[in-house]
C-alpha atoms as a PDB file:
ATOM      1  CA  MET A   1     265.757  84.036 225.370  1.00  0.00           C
ATOM      2  CA  PRO A   2     266.415  80.572 225.985  1.00  0.00           C
ATOM      3  CA  THR A   3     264.939  77.718 223.862  1.00  0.00           C
ATOM      4  CA  ILE A   4     263.437  74.531 225.221  1.00  0.00           C
ATOM      5  CA  LEU A   5     262.679  71.483 223.057  1.00  0.00           C
ATOM      6  CA  VAL A   6     259.406  69.777 224.065  1.00  0.00           C
ATOM      7  CA  GLU A   7     258.144  66.480 222.514  1.00  0.00           C
ATOM      8  CA  LEU A   8     254.384  65.959 222.285  1.00  0.00           C
ATOM      9  CA  ASP A   9     252.243  63.125 221.499  1.00  0.00           C
ATOM     10  CA  ASP A  10     250.345  63.420 218.190  1.00  0.00           C
ATOM     11  CA  ALA A  11     246.977  63.994 219.737  1.00  0.00           C
ATOM     12  CA  THR A  12     248.255  66.995 222.068  1.00  0.00           C
ATOM     13  CA  PHE A  13     250.061  68.302 219.042  1.00  0.00           C
ATOM     14  CA  ARG A  14     247.052  68.374 216.892  1.00  0.00           C
ATOM     15  CA  ALA A  15     244.965  70.019 219.914  1.00  0.00           C
ATOM     16  CA  LEU A  16     247.606  72.574 220.207  1.00  0.00           C
ATOM     17  CA  ASN A  17     247.846  73.401 216.483  1.00  0.00           C
ATOM     18  CA  HIS A  18     243.889  73.731 216.613  1.00  0.00           C
ATOM     19  CA  LEU A  19     244.012  76.172 219.640  1.00  0.00           C
ATOM     20  CA  ALA A  20     247.338  77.984 218.669  1.00  0.00           C
ATOM     21  CA  PRO A  21     248.492  77.804 214.885  1.00  0.00           C
ATOM     22  CA  ALA A  22     252.216  78.030 214.559  1.00  0.00           C
ATOM     23  CA  ARG A  23     251.821  81.022 212.266  1.00  0.00           C
ATOM     24  CA  LYS A  24     252.514  84.300 213.723  1.00  0.00           C
ATOM     25  CA  ARG A  25     254.042  82.847 216.774  1.00  0.00           C
ATOM     26  CA  GLN A  26     250.626  82.145 218.384  1.00  0.00           C
ATOM     27  CA  ARG A  27     251.732  78.682 219.299  1.00  0.00           C
ATOM     28  CA  SER A  28     254.998  79.802 221.047  1.00  0.00           C
ATOM     29  CA  GLU A  29     253.133  82.612 222.820  1.00  0.00           C
ATOM     30  CA  PHE A  30     250.198  80.038 224.058  1.00  0.00           C
ATOM     31  CA  ILE A  31     252.794  77.789 225.565  1.00  0.00           C
ATOM     32  CA  ARG A  32     254.670  80.498 227.142  1.00  0.00           C
ATOM     33  CA  GLN A  33     251.454  81.734 228.696  1.00  0.00           C
ATOM     34  CA  ALA A  34     250.500  78.119 229.777  1.00  0.00           C
ATOM     35  CA  VAL A  35     253.952  77.702 231.589  1.00  0.00           C
ATOM     36  CA  LYS A  36     253.827  81.098 233.267  1.00  0.00           C
ATOM     37  CA  ASP A  37     250.009  80.210 234.348  1.00  0.00           C
ATOM     38  CA  ALA A  38     251.308  76.824 235.744  1.00  0.00           C
ATOM     39  CA  ILE A  39     254.135  78.556 237.641  1.00  0.00           C
ATOM     40  CA  LEU A  40     251.719  81.232 239.155  1.00  0.00           C
ATOM     41  CA  LYS A  41     249.296  78.293 240.115  1.00  0.00           C
ATOM     42  CA  HIS A  42     252.036  76.192 242.003  1.00  0.00           C
ATOM     43  CA  GLU A  43     253.309  79.548 243.910  1.00  0.00           C
ATOM     44  CA  LEU A  44     249.596  80.342 244.801  1.00  0.00           C
ATOM     45  CA  ALA A  45     249.095  76.874 246.104  1.00  0.00           C
ATOM     46  CA  ARG A  46     252.579  76.920 248.113  1.00  0.00           C
ATOM     47  CA  MET A  47     251.446  80.226 249.646  1.00  0.00           C
ATOM     48  CA  ARG A  48     247.910  78.960 250.488  1.00  0.00           C
ATOM     49  CA  GLU A  49     249.702  76.050 252.339  1.00  0.00           C
ATOM     50  CA  ALA A  50     252.108  77.930 254.060  1.00  0.00           C
ATOM     51  CA  TYR A  51     248.933  80.075 255.463  1.00  0.00           C
ATOM     52  CA  ARG A  52     247.248  76.980 256.304  1.00  0.00           C
ATOM     53  CA  LYS A  53     250.186  75.653 258.333  1.00  0.00           C
ATOM     54  CA  GLN A  54     250.753  78.784 260.163  1.00  0.00           C
ATOM     55  CA  PRO A  55     247.810  81.308 259.933  1.00  0.00           C
ATOM     56  CA  ASP A  56     247.756  84.751 261.112  1.00  0.00           C
ATOM     57  CA  SER A  57     246.692  85.035 264.849  1.00  0.00           C
ATOM     58  CA  ALA A  58     243.934  87.314 265.455  1.00  0.00           C
ATOM     59  CA  SER A  59     246.089  90.192 266.487  1.00  0.00           C
ATOM     60  CA  GLU A  60     248.147  90.164 263.414  1.00  0.00           C
ATOM     61  CA  ALA A  61     244.971  89.800 261.041  1.00  0.00           C
ATOM     62  CA  ASP A  62     244.004  92.740 259.301  1.00  0.00           C
ATOM     63  CA  ASP A  63     240.415  94.243 260.371  1.00  0.00           C
ATOM     64  CA  TRP A  64     238.088  93.915 257.410  1.00  0.00           C
ATOM     65  CA  SER A  65     234.920  94.696 259.536  1.00  0.00           C
ATOM     66  CA  ASN A  66     234.144  98.058 258.247  1.00  0.00           C
ATOM     67  CA  CYS A  67     235.903  97.875 254.560  1.00  0.00           C
ATOM     68  CA  GLU A  68     234.576  99.593 251.625  1.00  0.00           C
ATOM     69  CA  GLU A  69     232.512  97.458 248.963  1.00  0.00           C
ATOM     70  CA  PHE A  70     234.649  97.063 245.917  1.00  0.00           C
ATOM     71  CA  ASP A  71     232.762  96.981 242.590  1.00  0.00           C
ATOM     72  CA  ALA A  72     234.862  95.434 239.709  1.00  0.00           C
END
């Protein structure tokens, strides 16, 4: 797995250590997940923008008028 060196200001470092202490690799996992979340957020924003620029036509859109209700 590649390693990246990241420099943080003191306040950010203290806040990170409070949220995800370095022991048991919690801090590394927290940072990995934060990066994955940021990438996903960016990809979804790009997808929304693409659909905004070129939305489905009425003939291409799915018909949701009689779909089942989904209870989560």
